[in-house]
Amino acid sequence: MDPTVVLVLCLSCFLLFSLWKQSHGKGNLPPGPTPLPILGNILQIDFKDISKSLTELSKVYGPVFTVYLGMKPTVVLHGYEAVKEALIDLGEEFSGRDSFPLNAKVNKGLGIIFSNGKRWKDTRRFSLMTLRNFGMGKRSIEERVQEEARCLVEELRKTNASPCDPTFILGAAPCNVICSVIFQNRFEYRDSEFLNLMGKFNENFRNANSLTIQEKHNPQSEFTIDNLLVTVFDLFIAGTETTSTTLRYGLLILLKHPEVAAKVQEEIERVIGRDRSPCMQDRSRMPYTDAVVHEIQRYIDLVPISAPRATICDVKFRNYHIPKGTPVLPSLTSMLNDNKEFPNPEEFDPGHFLDKSGNFKKSDYFLPFSTGKRVCVGEGLARMELFLFLTSILQNFKLKSQVDPEHIDTTPLVSGIGRVPRFYKLSFIPV
């Protein structure tokens, strides 16, 4: 081999090793598996199920540990105490957002989900204020969800009790709620404009950079068309996909457990009847149904790992020194599947949220929307939608599976960042 080539390779390896050692030695980080130069710990992590890999590592290194995704150290928080101490007790220090390269390229640090600093604070504050003005948290937003629930029921009636894939209908319902909030208008489910809207989000945001506004004269302002578009996109993604997937997964679980569905329907009949639509006031009188909705969210573990946080300054945490800008991964799975808080967590059991008297029992470990300063903006709306949509469906239909409940597989199609149910069809039988 040419001596020059050998020299260049040696110098390159030395430089890369020096950079790795500098990064590896930075701060007094929590313990973790020894990283390889350049690769870090990526060979020890199954990216098809990151959460499972991190859970296994926590058994060795404890509730706070460090992994290297490439040359970059990332601190993992596993378990309720570690997550609470970081995201709540030290909420400001852990309020940054780390971003994947693809997100940075598409969103350019705009919107609510992946923005940081002043931009994030201004955008989040403005979004919350605007959503409240549009009815979020008030009776008016409940009325919109109730209206959409009635439309959902009518759309399901059109299936004529034939086996159907509920994916589209259950996706259109929460999307329409967001439309009614943002655009002050809902759409018919087969409306061409609505279908185009649902399919054109990515195209809209690829074109966002070509738009300008008067605000360009104020370089300090975060209220630009670009930021507005990404913020609206964030609201649609957060307010549509997660709720629709939870509903779709929930119906599959109820097909698997028809005795649970029957018990919910008994409670609906007793408390609500059939002459009026469900409302949020009913929830306090329906402990079993409330427990079922919570257990669906706990069991499916939709987003096992919260979107990556980052420290906004150097932080002393449990005798460790975590440098500013360090990515932090809070494990939501570790709380939703805590076997002391939820005995037999691998089993679907509404009793996880009921006391011995059959009353609803809250749990601090129930944090599917994450917690702290970066908690999901739409948590309240999502909770409302899940309760009203599910009770409206079960008030009007019995669920019929195409296969014997024993043969229904409720294990998820696992991906790196989210879990979705397997494909299935069911029939909605009017009652």
Protein backbone atom coordinates (compact mmCIF):
# COMPACT_ATOMS: atom_id res chain seq x y z
CA MET A 1 0.00 0.00 0.00
CA ASP A 2 1.19 3.48 -0.79
CA PRO A 3 2.93 5.03 2.27
CA THR A 4 0.96 8.23 1.79
CA VAL A 5 -2.33 6.33 1.97
CA VAL A 6 -1.16 4.52 5.12
CA LEU A 7 -0.17 7.81 6.73
CA VAL A 8 -3.54 9.43 5.89
CA LEU A 9 -5.41 6.41 7.30
CA CYS A 10 -3.37 6.46 10.48
CA LEU A 11 -3.86 10.19 10.99
CA SER A 12 -7.59 9.85 10.31
CA CYS A 13 -7.93 7.02 12.82
CA PHE A 14 -5.95 9.00 15.40
CA LEU A 15 -8.12 12.07 14.86
CA LEU A 16 -11.34 10.10 15.13
CA PHE A 17 -10.12 8.30 18.25
CA SER A 18 -9.12 11.62 19.83
CA LEU A 19 -12.55 13.10 19.09
CA TRP A 20 -14.24 10.02 20.52
CA LYS A 21 -12.11 10.07 23.66
CA GLN A 22 -12.76 13.79 24.13
CA SER A 23 -16.50 13.22 23.82
CA HIS A 24 -16.42 10.09 26.00
CA GLY A 25 -14.53 11.86 28.74
CA LYS A 26 -16.68 14.98 28.81
CA GLY A 27 -18.35 15.63 32.15
CA ASN A 28 -19.01 13.10 34.90
CA LEU A 29 -21.72 11.25 33.05
CA PRO A 30 -23.74 8.36 34.49
CA PRO A 31 -22.31 4.86 33.92
CA GLY A 32 -23.17 2.81 30.88
CA PRO A 33 -21.86 0.21 28.46
CA THR A 34 -18.41 0.91 27.08
CA PRO A 35 -18.79 2.55 23.67
CA LEU A 36 -16.78 1.66 20.62
CA PRO A 37 -14.93 4.45 18.82
CA ILE A 38 -17.16 6.05 16.19
CA LEU A 39 -19.97 3.48 16.59
CA GLY A 40 -20.64 4.03 20.28
CA ASN A 41 -23.22 1.52 21.57
CA ILE A 42 -25.34 1.20 18.43
CA LEU A 43 -24.41 -2.48 18.07
CA GLN A 44 -25.90 -3.13 21.51
CA ILE A 45 -29.24 -1.50 20.71
CA ASP A 46 -32.02 -3.07 18.66
CA PHE A 47 -33.41 -0.10 16.76
CA LYS A 48 -36.55 -2.09 15.94
CA ASP A 49 -37.35 -1.99 19.66
CA ILE A 50 -35.17 0.64 21.31
CA SER A 51 -37.26 0.62 24.48
CA LYS A 52 -36.63 -3.07 25.13
CA SER A 53 -32.88 -2.62 24.66
CA LEU A 54 -32.81 0.30 27.10
CA THR A 55 -34.82 -1.69 29.65
CA GLU A 56 -32.26 -4.50 29.49
CA LEU A 57 -29.40 -2.03 29.94
CA SER A 58 -31.14 -0.49 32.96
CA LYS A 59 -31.00 -3.87 34.68
CA VAL A 60 -27.22 -3.63 34.53
CA TYR A 61 -26.53 0.08 34.92
CA GLY A 62 -29.47 1.32 36.98
CA PRO A 63 -32.19 3.94 36.42
CA VAL A 64 -29.83 6.62 35.07
CA PHE A 65 -27.23 5.56 32.54
CA THR A 66 -25.43 6.73 29.42
CA VAL A 67 -25.42 5.24 25.95
CA TYR A 68 -23.55 6.51 22.91
CA LEU A 69 -25.50 6.77 19.71
CA GLY A 70 -22.47 7.10 17.53
CA MET A 71 -20.05 9.51 19.20
CA LYS A 72 -22.79 11.40 21.02
CA PRO A 73 -23.52 10.55 24.67
CA THR A 74 -27.21 10.27 25.59
CA VAL A 75 -28.50 10.00 29.15
CA VAL A 76 -31.38 7.56 29.67
CA LEU A 77 -33.93 8.00 32.48
CA HIS A 78 -35.58 4.72 33.45
CA GLY A 79 -38.31 4.53 36.08
CA TYR A 80 -40.69 6.98 37.73
CA GLU A 81 -38.29 8.40 40.33
CA ALA A 82 -35.58 9.26 37.81
CA VAL A 83 -38.05 10.75 35.31
CA LYS A 84 -39.80 12.80 38.02
CA GLU A 85 -36.55 14.09 39.48
CA ALA A 86 -35.33 15.26 36.06
CA LEU A 87 -38.43 16.39 34.18
CA ILE A 88 -40.45 17.80 37.10
CA ASP A 89 -38.05 18.71 39.93
CA LEU A 90 -35.45 20.02 37.46
CA GLY A 91 -37.94 20.75 34.71
CA GLU A 92 -36.31 23.94 33.44
CA GLU A 93 -32.83 22.43 33.22
CA PHE A 94 -34.16 19.45 31.23
CA SER A 95 -36.54 21.48 29.05
CA GLY A 96 -34.43 21.50 25.90
CA ARG A 97 -35.21 19.39 22.86
CA ASP A 98 -32.69 17.26 21.05
CA SER A 99 -33.43 16.75 17.38
CA PHE A 100 -32.75 14.00 14.90
CA PRO A 101 -30.98 15.19 11.73
CA LEU A 102 -34.05 14.43 9.58
CA ASN A 103 -36.30 16.47 11.86
CA ALA A 104 -33.83 19.34 11.84
CA LYS A 105 -33.80 19.31 8.04
CA VAL A 106 -37.59 19.19 7.68
CA ASN A 107 -38.70 21.39 10.59
CA LYS A 108 -35.61 23.62 10.83
CA GLY A 109 -36.11 23.96 14.58
CA LEU A 110 -39.55 25.53 14.15
CA GLY A 111 -42.93 24.69 15.68
CA ILE A 112 -43.63 23.35 19.17
CA ILE A 113 -42.17 19.85 19.20
CA PHE A 114 -38.59 20.39 18.05
CA SER A 115 -37.95 24.07 18.80
CA ASN A 116 -35.81 25.36 21.65
CA GLY A 117 -35.14 28.40 23.81
CA LYS A 118 -37.08 31.62 23.28
CA ARG A 119 -38.66 30.31 20.09
CA TRP A 120 -40.09 27.29 21.90
CA LYS A 121 -41.34 29.31 24.87
CA ASP A 122 -42.97 31.98 22.71
CA THR A 123 -44.54 29.46 20.34
CA ARG A 124 -45.83 27.18 23.10
CA ARG A 125 -47.25 30.09 25.09
CA PHE A 126 -48.95 31.54 22.02
CA SER A 127 -50.30 28.13 20.95
CA LEU A 128 -51.78 27.39 24.38
CA MET A 129 -53.35 30.83 24.56
CA THR A 130 -54.79 30.55 21.05
CA LEU A 131 -56.13 27.04 21.63
CA ARG A 132 -57.84 28.23 24.82
CA ASN A 133 -59.36 31.12 22.89
CA PHE A 134 -60.61 28.58 20.36
CA GLY A 135 -62.28 26.61 23.13
CA MET A 136 -59.62 24.17 24.38
CA GLY A 137 -60.44 23.18 27.94
CA LYS A 138 -63.88 24.76 27.71
CA ARG A 139 -67.37 23.49 27.07
CA SER A 140 -67.19 24.61 23.45
CA ILE A 141 -64.42 22.15 22.57
CA GLU A 142 -66.36 19.33 24.21
CA GLU A 143 -69.32 20.18 22.01
CA ARG A 144 -67.11 19.92 18.95
CA VAL A 145 -65.84 16.51 20.02
CA GLN A 146 -69.42 15.39 20.72
CA GLU A 147 -70.49 16.59 17.27
CA GLU A 148 -67.62 14.68 15.68
CA ALA A 149 -68.50 11.59 17.75
CA ARG A 150 -72.02 11.70 16.30
CA CYS A 151 -70.58 12.01 12.79
CA LEU A 152 -68.25 9.11 13.52
CA VAL A 153 -71.19 6.95 14.59
CA GLU A 154 -73.10 7.83 11.42
CA GLU A 155 -70.08 6.97 9.29
CA LEU A 156 -69.76 3.61 11.04
CA ARG A 157 -73.46 2.94 10.37
CA LYS A 158 -72.71 3.25 6.66
CA THR A 159 -70.57 0.10 6.90
CA ASN A 160 -73.88 -1.81 7.27
CA ALA A 161 -72.34 -4.19 9.81
CA SER A 162 -69.95 -5.51 7.15
CA PRO A 163 -66.34 -6.28 8.11
CA CYS A 164 -64.21 -3.19 7.65
CA ASP A 165 -60.78 -1.79 8.36
CA PRO A 166 -61.42 1.10 10.81
CA THR A 167 -58.11 2.87 10.18
CA PHE A 168 -59.36 5.70 7.94
CA ILE A 169 -62.55 6.49 9.86
CA LEU A 170 -60.79 6.52 13.23
CA GLY A 171 -58.10 8.76 11.75
CA ALA A 172 -60.53 11.21 10.20
CA ALA A 173 -62.46 11.82 13.44
CA PRO A 174 -59.66 13.37 15.55
CA CYS A 175 -58.27 15.12 12.47
CA ASN A 176 -61.66 16.79 12.02
CA VAL A 177 -61.59 17.99 15.64
CA ILE A 178 -58.25 19.71 15.01
CA CYS A 179 -59.71 21.17 11.79
CA SER A 180 -62.69 22.54 13.71
CA VAL A 181 -60.32 24.19 16.21
CA ILE A 182 -57.81 25.62 13.75
CA PHE A 183 -60.03 26.29 10.71
CA GLN A 184 -63.34 26.65 12.58
CA ASN A 185 -64.75 24.06 10.20
CA ARG A 186 -65.04 20.28 9.93
CA PHE A 187 -65.19 18.23 6.75
CA GLU A 188 -67.24 15.32 5.49
CA TYR A 189 -65.17 12.17 5.71
CA ARG A 190 -65.09 11.65 1.95
CA ASP A 191 -64.71 15.33 1.09
CA SER A 192 -62.02 15.67 -1.57
CA GLU A 193 -60.62 18.78 0.08
CA PHE A 194 -60.35 16.96 3.39
CA LEU A 195 -58.64 13.97 1.79
CA ASN A 196 -56.25 16.31 0.00
CA LEU A 197 -55.50 18.08 3.29
CA MET A 198 -54.65 14.83 5.04
CA GLY A 199 -52.32 13.83 2.20
CA LYS A 200 -50.56 17.11 1.56
CA PHE A 201 -48.97 18.04 4.89
CA ASN A 202 -45.48 17.08 3.81
CA GLU A 203 -45.75 18.94 0.50
CA ASN A 204 -46.98 22.09 2.27
CA PHE A 205 -44.03 22.16 4.57
CA ARG A 206 -41.50 21.51 1.82
CA ASN A 207 -42.77 24.72 0.28
CA ALA A 208 -42.83 26.66 3.54
CA ASN A 209 -39.42 28.24 3.00
CA SER A 210 -40.66 30.19 -0.01
CA LEU A 211 -43.22 32.11 2.04
CA THR A 212 -42.50 35.50 3.61
CA ILE A 213 -44.31 37.97 5.92
CA GLN A 214 -43.93 41.63 7.26
CA GLU A 215 -42.52 40.02 10.38
CA LYS A 216 -39.25 39.68 8.44
CA HIS A 217 -38.60 43.29 9.48
CA ASN A 218 -38.52 42.09 13.10
CA PRO A 219 -35.64 39.61 13.32
CA GLN A 220 -36.49 38.88 16.99
CA SER A 221 -40.04 37.74 16.26
CA GLU A 222 -40.92 34.04 16.27
CA PHE A 223 -44.31 34.70 14.65
CA THR A 224 -43.46 33.98 11.03
CA ILE A 225 -45.41 32.08 8.40
CA ASP A 226 -42.74 29.35 8.47
CA ASN A 227 -43.10 28.88 12.21
CA LEU A 228 -46.89 29.04 12.00
CA LEU A 229 -47.02 26.29 9.38
CA VAL A 230 -44.74 23.96 11.32
CA THR A 231 -46.69 24.66 14.52
CA VAL A 232 -49.99 23.79 12.83
CA PHE A 233 -48.38 20.67 11.40
CA ASP A 234 -47.19 19.68 14.89
CA LEU A 235 -50.74 20.10 16.20
CA PHE A 236 -52.16 17.92 13.44
CA ILE A 237 -49.57 15.18 13.95
CA ALA A 238 -49.85 15.21 17.74
CA GLY A 239 -53.62 15.58 17.73
CA THR A 240 -54.50 13.06 15.03
CA GLU A 241 -52.17 10.10 14.72
CA THR A 242 -51.74 9.27 18.40
CA THR A 243 -55.46 9.46 19.20
CA SER A 244 -56.56 7.49 16.12
CA THR A 245 -53.95 4.78 16.73
CA THR A 246 -55.00 4.49 20.37
CA LEU A 247 -58.65 4.12 19.34
CA ARG A 248 -57.80 1.53 16.70
CA TYR A 249 -55.66 -0.41 19.15
CA GLY A 250 -58.34 -0.07 21.81
CA LEU A 251 -61.02 -1.64 19.61
CA LEU A 252 -58.69 -4.56 18.85
CA ILE A 253 -58.16 -5.12 22.57
CA LEU A 254 -61.91 -5.05 23.20
CA LEU A 255 -62.36 -7.65 20.46
CA LYS A 256 -59.82 -9.76 22.32
CA HIS A 257 -61.65 -9.19 25.62
CA PRO A 258 -65.39 -9.16 24.82
CA GLU A 259 -66.22 -9.47 28.53
CA VAL A 260 -64.57 -6.07 29.09
CA ALA A 261 -66.51 -4.49 26.21
CA ALA A 262 -69.75 -5.94 27.61
CA LYS A 263 -69.06 -4.51 31.04
CA VAL A 264 -68.35 -1.07 29.57
CA GLN A 265 -71.61 -1.24 27.64
CA GLU A 266 -73.50 -2.16 30.79
CA GLU A 267 -72.07 0.94 32.50
CA ILE A 268 -72.94 3.10 29.49
CA GLU A 269 -76.51 1.80 29.53
CA ARG A 270 -76.84 2.44 33.26
CA VAL A 271 -75.31 5.92 33.36
CA ILE A 272 -75.99 7.42 29.91
CA GLY A 273 -78.65 5.30 28.25
CA ARG A 274 -79.34 5.68 24.54
CA ASP A 275 -81.29 8.92 24.34
CA ARG A 276 -78.37 11.34 24.62
CA SER A 277 -74.71 11.64 23.69
CA PRO A 278 -71.96 10.90 26.24
CA CYS A 279 -70.40 13.94 27.92
CA MET A 280 -67.33 14.46 30.08
CA GLN A 281 -69.44 14.79 33.23
CA ASP A 282 -70.35 11.14 32.77
CA ARG A 283 -66.76 10.05 33.31
CA SER A 284 -66.80 10.57 37.08
CA ARG A 285 -69.80 8.23 37.29
CA MET A 286 -68.24 5.60 35.04
CA PRO A 287 -65.17 4.31 36.91
CA TYR A 288 -64.93 1.07 34.95
CA THR A 289 -65.04 2.77 31.55
CA ASP A 290 -62.50 5.34 32.75
CA ALA A 291 -60.26 2.50 33.94
CA VAL A 292 -60.57 0.74 30.58
CA VAL A 293 -59.53 3.87 28.66
CA HIS A 294 -56.51 4.32 30.95
CA GLU A 295 -55.59 0.64 30.73
CA ILE A 296 -55.74 0.74 26.92
CA GLN A 297 -53.22 3.59 26.94
CA ARG A 298 -51.04 1.87 29.51
CA TYR A 299 -51.12 -1.51 27.82
CA ILE A 300 -50.43 -0.39 24.24
CA ASP A 301 -47.53 1.81 25.37
CA LEU A 302 -47.94 3.83 22.18
CA VAL A 303 -44.77 5.94 22.48
CA PRO A 304 -42.35 3.92 24.62
CA ILE A 305 -39.72 6.67 24.76
CA SER A 306 -40.57 10.34 25.11
CA ALA A 307 -39.29 12.60 22.37
CA PRO A 308 -35.64 13.31 23.25
CA ARG A 309 -35.02 16.12 25.71
CA ALA A 310 -31.75 18.01 26.15
CA THR A 311 -30.16 19.90 29.03
CA ILE A 312 -30.16 23.66 28.52
CA CYS A 313 -27.22 24.14 30.92
CA ASP A 314 -24.71 22.09 32.86
CA VAL A 315 -26.70 20.03 35.36
CA LYS A 316 -25.69 18.25 38.56
CA PHE A 317 -27.97 15.24 38.72
CA ARG A 318 -27.60 12.42 41.26
CA ASN A 319 -23.91 13.22 41.78
CA TYR A 320 -23.31 13.20 38.03
CA HIS A 321 -22.38 16.17 35.88
CA ILE A 322 -24.40 16.33 32.68
CA PRO A 323 -23.05 18.94 30.27
CA LYS A 324 -25.24 21.49 28.52
CA GLY A 325 -26.81 20.15 25.33
CA THR A 326 -26.67 16.48 26.34
CA PRO A 327 -29.59 14.50 24.84
CA VAL A 328 -31.86 12.84 27.41
CA LEU A 329 -34.22 9.93 26.72
CA PRO A 330 -37.04 9.47 29.29
CA SER A 331 -38.45 5.93 29.21
CA LEU A 332 -42.25 6.05 29.41
CA THR A 333 -42.37 2.26 29.14
CA SER A 334 -40.54 1.94 32.44
CA MET A 335 -43.41 3.69 34.22
CA LEU A 336 -46.35 2.22 32.33
CA ASN A 337 -44.95 -1.28 32.87
CA ASP A 338 -43.71 -0.92 36.44
CA ASN A 339 -44.60 -4.27 38.02
CA LYS A 340 -44.99 -2.85 41.51
CA GLU A 341 -47.41 -0.15 40.45
CA PHE A 342 -49.16 -2.39 37.90
CA PRO A 343 -48.99 -6.08 38.90
CA ASN A 344 -48.62 -8.33 35.85
CA PRO A 345 -48.11 -5.35 33.53
CA GLU A 346 -47.95 -7.56 30.44
CA GLU A 347 -51.63 -8.41 30.97
CA PHE A 348 -54.54 -6.18 29.93
CA ASP A 349 -56.39 -5.56 33.19
CA PRO A 350 -58.66 -2.56 33.91
CA GLY A 351 -58.22 -3.46 37.58
CA HIS A 352 -54.87 -1.66 37.42
CA PHE A 353 -56.91 1.55 37.73
CA LEU A 354 -59.59 0.39 40.18
CA ASP A 355 -59.49 0.13 43.96
CA LYS A 356 -61.04 -2.70 45.96
CA SER A 357 -64.39 -0.89 45.99
CA GLY A 358 -64.47 -0.50 42.22
CA ASN A 359 -63.69 3.22 42.29
CA PHE A 360 -61.29 4.74 39.78
CA LYS A 361 -57.73 4.85 41.09
CA LYS A 362 -55.25 7.40 39.79
CA SER A 363 -51.58 6.56 39.32
CA ASP A 364 -48.60 8.90 39.24
CA TYR A 365 -46.93 6.38 36.94
CA PHE A 366 -49.51 6.92 34.21
CA LEU A 367 -47.60 9.36 32.00
CA PRO A 368 -48.27 8.36 28.36
CA PHE A 369 -48.15 12.05 27.39
CA SER A 370 -44.79 12.52 29.15
CA THR A 371 -44.48 15.16 31.88
CA GLY A 372 -42.78 18.39 32.87
CA LYS A 373 -42.44 21.51 30.74
CA ARG A 374 -42.51 19.51 27.51
CA VAL A 375 -45.68 17.57 28.32
CA CYS A 376 -47.95 17.12 25.28
CA VAL A 377 -49.88 20.33 24.57
CA GLY A 378 -52.93 18.36 23.48
CA GLU A 379 -53.14 15.98 26.44
CA GLY A 380 -56.48 17.34 27.65
CA LEU A 381 -58.03 17.15 24.19
CA ALA A 382 -56.71 13.64 23.59
CA ARG A 383 -58.15 12.39 26.89
CA MET A 384 -61.52 13.93 26.01
CA GLU A 385 -61.54 12.42 22.53
CA LEU A 386 -60.62 8.95 23.73
CA PHE A 387 -63.42 8.89 26.30
CA LEU A 388 -66.13 10.43 24.12
CA PHE A 389 -65.28 8.56 20.91
CA LEU A 390 -64.97 5.18 22.62
CA THR A 391 -68.15 5.53 24.67
CA SER A 392 -70.09 6.80 21.63
CA ILE A 393 -69.00 3.77 19.60
CA LEU A 394 -69.89 1.30 22.33
CA GLN A 395 -73.18 3.09 23.05
CA ASN A 396 -74.29 2.44 19.47
CA PHE A 397 -72.54 -0.75 18.34
CA LYS A 398 -71.46 -4.18 19.41
CA LEU A 399 -68.05 -5.13 18.12
CA LYS A 400 -67.80 -8.37 16.16
CA SER A 401 -64.49 -9.96 15.31
CA GLN A 402 -63.82 -12.03 12.20
CA VAL A 403 -61.87 -14.56 14.24
CA ASP A 404 -62.21 -16.20 17.61
CA PRO A 405 -60.99 -13.86 20.39
CA GLU A 406 -58.44 -16.47 21.44
CA HIS A 407 -56.74 -16.10 18.08
CA ILE A 408 -56.52 -12.29 18.16
CA ASP A 409 -52.94 -11.08 18.48
CA THR A 410 -52.65 -7.82 20.42
CA THR A 411 -48.87 -7.68 20.41
CA PRO A 412 -47.78 -4.55 18.54
CA LEU A 413 -45.98 -4.08 15.31
CA VAL A 414 -42.99 -2.59 17.07
CA SER A 415 -41.01 0.24 15.55
CA GLY A 416 -38.19 2.33 16.90
CA ILE A 417 -40.33 5.16 18.24
CA GLY A 418 -43.95 3.98 18.27
CA ARG A 419 -46.20 0.95 18.47
CA VAL A 420 -49.17 0.28 16.23
CA PRO A 421 -51.70 -2.56 16.18
CA ARG A 422 -51.67 -5.32 13.64
CA PHE A 423 -54.05 -5.11 10.69
CA TYR A 424 -57.55 -6.33 11.44
CA LYS A 425 -61.17 -5.99 10.37
CA LEU A 426 -64.29 -5.89 12.49
CA SER A 427 -68.00 -5.39 12.15
CA PHE A 428 -69.96 -2.65 13.91
CA ILE A 429 -73.32 -4.22 14.77
CA PRO A 430 -75.98 -1.58 15.63
CA VAL A 431 -77.65 -2.08 19.02
